[in-house]
Amino acid sequence: MRFNKNKLFILLLCFLPLFFSCKSYQVRKKQKQAEKMQEQKHKENQKIYKSGLKKHKDVQTKETQKRMKKNQRRAKKLNKSKKRKFFLWRWLGF
């Protein structure tokens, strides 16, 4: 009888982690849903921002639109030259 109690105790200890792993799955699932919702909000905010920029551009006169476009190109060109590759990639030639 004593031998069976020991086997039962060891068996319960072996299966104990399986009973608690379910909670971690639920937590991961909720966290994944929260990340998905946050990503959707971010995309929606980006759309609103872009539509606002477009409206702002459309309100301007033709001359101002041309200047804005020219300045945007120049800024993109200058910022592109300032962005350097990671130093290891530059050293190793990647």
C-alpha atoms as a PDB file:
ATOM      1  CA  MET A   1       0.000   0.000   0.000  1.00  0.00           C
ATOM      2  CA  ARG A   2       2.809   2.355   0.876  1.00  0.00           C
ATOM      3  CA  PHE A   3       4.444   1.696  -2.479  1.00  0.00           C
ATOM      4  CA  ASN A   4       1.303   2.703  -4.369  1.00  0.00           C
ATOM      5  CA  LYS A   5       1.059   5.999  -2.441  1.00  0.00           C
ATOM      6  CA  ASN A   6       4.619   6.847  -3.440  1.00  0.00           C
ATOM      7  CA  LYS A   7       3.889   6.060  -7.088  1.00  0.00           C
ATOM      8  CA  LEU A   8       0.760   8.162  -6.964  1.00  0.00           C
ATOM      9  CA  PHE A   9       2.644  11.072  -5.403  1.00  0.00           C
ATOM     10  CA  ILE A  10       5.419  10.919  -8.024  1.00  0.00           C
ATOM     11  CA  LEU A  11       2.858  10.635 -10.800  1.00  0.00           C
ATOM     12  CA  LEU A  12       1.041  13.732  -9.543  1.00  0.00           C
ATOM     13  CA  LEU A  13       4.312  15.649  -9.354  1.00  0.00           C
ATOM     14  CA  CYS A  14       5.059  14.743 -12.975  1.00  0.00           C
ATOM     15  CA  PHE A  15       1.699  15.972 -14.256  1.00  0.00           C
ATOM     16  CA  LEU A  16       1.521  19.063 -12.059  1.00  0.00           C
ATOM     17  CA  PRO A  17       3.164  21.413 -14.625  1.00  0.00           C
ATOM     18  CA  LEU A  18       0.648  20.356 -17.252  1.00  0.00           C
ATOM     19  CA  PHE A  19      -2.244  21.669 -15.195  1.00  0.00           C
ATOM     20  CA  PHE A  20      -0.682  25.118 -14.787  1.00  0.00           C
ATOM     21  CA  SER A  21       0.496  25.559 -18.372  1.00  0.00           C
ATOM     22  CA  CYS A  22      -3.049  26.317 -19.495  1.00  0.00           C
ATOM     23  CA  LYS A  23      -3.029  29.649 -17.666  1.00  0.00           C
ATOM     24  CA  SER A  24       0.099  30.777 -19.468  1.00  0.00           C
ATOM     25  CA  TYR A  25      -1.577  29.955 -22.781  1.00  0.00           C
ATOM     26  CA  GLN A  26      -4.543  32.154 -21.888  1.00  0.00           C
ATOM     27  CA  VAL A  27      -2.230  34.996 -20.898  1.00  0.00           C
ATOM     28  CA  ARG A  28      -0.325  34.711 -24.172  1.00  0.00           C
ATOM     29  CA  LYS A  29      -3.568  34.672 -26.117  1.00  0.00           C
ATOM     30  CA  LYS A  30      -4.821  37.854 -24.402  1.00  0.00           C
ATOM     31  CA  GLN A  31      -1.462  39.529 -24.921  1.00  0.00           C
ATOM     32  CA  LYS A  32      -1.518  38.624 -28.610  1.00  0.00           C
ATOM     33  CA  GLN A  33      -5.019  40.074 -28.966  1.00  0.00           C
ATOM     34  CA  ALA A  34      -3.914  43.269 -27.224  1.00  0.00           C
ATOM     35  CA  GLU A  35      -0.945  43.614 -29.601  1.00  0.00           C
ATOM     36  CA  LYS A  36      -3.233  43.062 -32.573  1.00  0.00           C
ATOM     37  CA  MET A  37      -5.628  45.762 -31.369  1.00  0.00           C
ATOM     38  CA  GLN A  38      -2.738  48.149 -30.797  1.00  0.00           C
ATOM     39  CA  GLU A  39      -1.448  47.504 -34.321  1.00  0.00           C
ATOM     40  CA  GLN A  40      -4.902  48.194 -35.773  1.00  0.00           C
ATOM     41  CA  LYS A  41      -5.118  51.484 -33.862  1.00  0.00           C
ATOM     42  CA  HIS A  42      -1.677  52.443 -35.113  1.00  0.00           C
ATOM     43  CA  LYS A  43      -2.670  51.753 -38.737  1.00  0.00           C
ATOM     44  CA  GLU A  44      -5.871  53.728 -38.308  1.00  0.00           C
ATOM     45  CA  ASN A  45      -3.959  56.667 -36.823  1.00  0.00           C
ATOM     46  CA  GLN A  46      -1.517  56.567 -39.748  1.00  0.00           C
ATOM     47  CA  LYS A  47      -4.413  56.734 -42.230  1.00  0.00           C
ATOM     48  CA  ILE A  48      -5.932  59.702 -40.403  1.00  0.00           C
ATOM     49  CA  TYR A  49      -2.555  61.465 -40.329  1.00  0.00           C
ATOM     50  CA  LYS A  50      -1.961  60.917 -44.046  1.00  0.00           C
ATOM     51  CA  SER A  51      -5.432  62.142 -44.947  1.00  0.00           C
ATOM     52  CA  GLY A  52      -4.810  65.245 -42.818  1.00  0.00           C
ATOM     53  CA  LEU A  53      -1.561  65.920 -44.668  1.00  0.00           C
ATOM     54  CA  LYS A  54      -3.312  65.544 -47.994  1.00  0.00           C
ATOM     55  CA  LYS A  55      -6.069  67.956 -46.961  1.00  0.00           C
ATOM     56  CA  HIS A  56      -3.462  70.447 -45.771  1.00  0.00           C
ATOM     57  CA  LYS A  57      -1.656  70.208 -49.103  1.00  0.00           C
ATOM     58  CA  ASP A  58      -4.869  70.618 -51.117  1.00  0.00           C
ATOM     59  CA  VAL A  59      -5.770  73.825 -49.258  1.00  0.00           C
ATOM     60  CA  GLN A  60      -2.493  75.492 -50.287  1.00  0.00           C
ATOM     61  CA  THR A  61      -1.998  77.506 -53.459  1.00  0.00           C
ATOM     62  CA  LYS A  62      -0.185  76.037 -56.478  1.00  0.00           C
ATOM     63  CA  GLU A  63       3.023  77.943 -55.741  1.00  0.00           C
ATOM     64  CA  THR A  64       3.047  76.802 -52.138  1.00  0.00           C
ATOM     65  CA  GLN A  65       2.429  73.207 -53.190  1.00  0.00           C
ATOM     66  CA  LYS A  66       5.413  73.371 -55.529  1.00  0.00           C
ATOM     67  CA  ARG A  67       7.628  74.793 -52.766  1.00  0.00           C
ATOM     68  CA  MET A  68       6.440  72.132 -50.327  1.00  0.00           C
ATOM     69  CA  LYS A  69       7.201  69.387 -52.842  1.00  0.00           C
ATOM     70  CA  LYS A  70      10.650  70.830 -53.567  1.00  0.00           C
ATOM     71  CA  ASN A  71      11.478  71.128 -49.867  1.00  0.00           C
ATOM     72  CA  GLN A  72      10.256  67.593 -49.235  1.00  0.00           C
ATOM     73  CA  ARG A  73      12.542  66.212 -51.946  1.00  0.00           C
ATOM     74  CA  ARG A  74      15.495  68.207 -50.641  1.00  0.00           C
ATOM     75  CA  ALA A  75      14.874  67.062 -47.055  1.00  0.00           C
ATOM     76  CA  LYS A  76      14.612  63.434 -48.165  1.00  0.00           C
ATOM     77  CA  LYS A  77      17.892  63.755 -50.067  1.00  0.00           C
ATOM     78  CA  LEU A  78      19.712  65.324 -47.102  1.00  0.00           C
ATOM     79  CA  ASN A  79      18.355  62.849 -44.579  1.00  0.00           C
ATOM     80  CA  LYS A  80      19.293  59.921 -46.787  1.00  0.00           C
ATOM     81  CA  SER A  81      22.938  60.982 -46.793  1.00  0.00           C
ATOM     82  CA  LYS A  82      22.958  61.359 -42.999  1.00  0.00           C
ATOM     83  CA  LYS A  83      21.759  57.813 -42.423  1.00  0.00           C
ATOM     84  CA  ARG A  84      24.855  55.671 -42.329  1.00  0.00           C
ATOM     85  CA  LYS A  85      25.055  51.926 -42.268  1.00  0.00           C
ATOM     86  CA  PHE A  86      25.937  50.076 -39.079  1.00  0.00           C
ATOM     87  CA  PHE A  87      29.671  50.445 -38.462  1.00  0.00           C
ATOM     88  CA  LEU A  88      30.399  46.714 -38.714  1.00  0.00           C
ATOM     89  CA  TRP A  89      28.705  46.542 -42.097  1.00  0.00           C
ATOM     90  CA  ARG A  90      30.807  49.478 -43.276  1.00  0.00           C
ATOM     91  CA  TRP A  91      34.031  47.922 -41.943  1.00  0.00           C
ATOM     92  CA  LEU A  92      33.349  44.488 -43.399  1.00  0.00           C
ATOM     93  CA  GLY A  93      31.942  45.775 -46.680  1.00  0.00           C
ATOM     94  CA  PHE A  94      28.443  44.344 -46.513  1.00  0.00           C
END
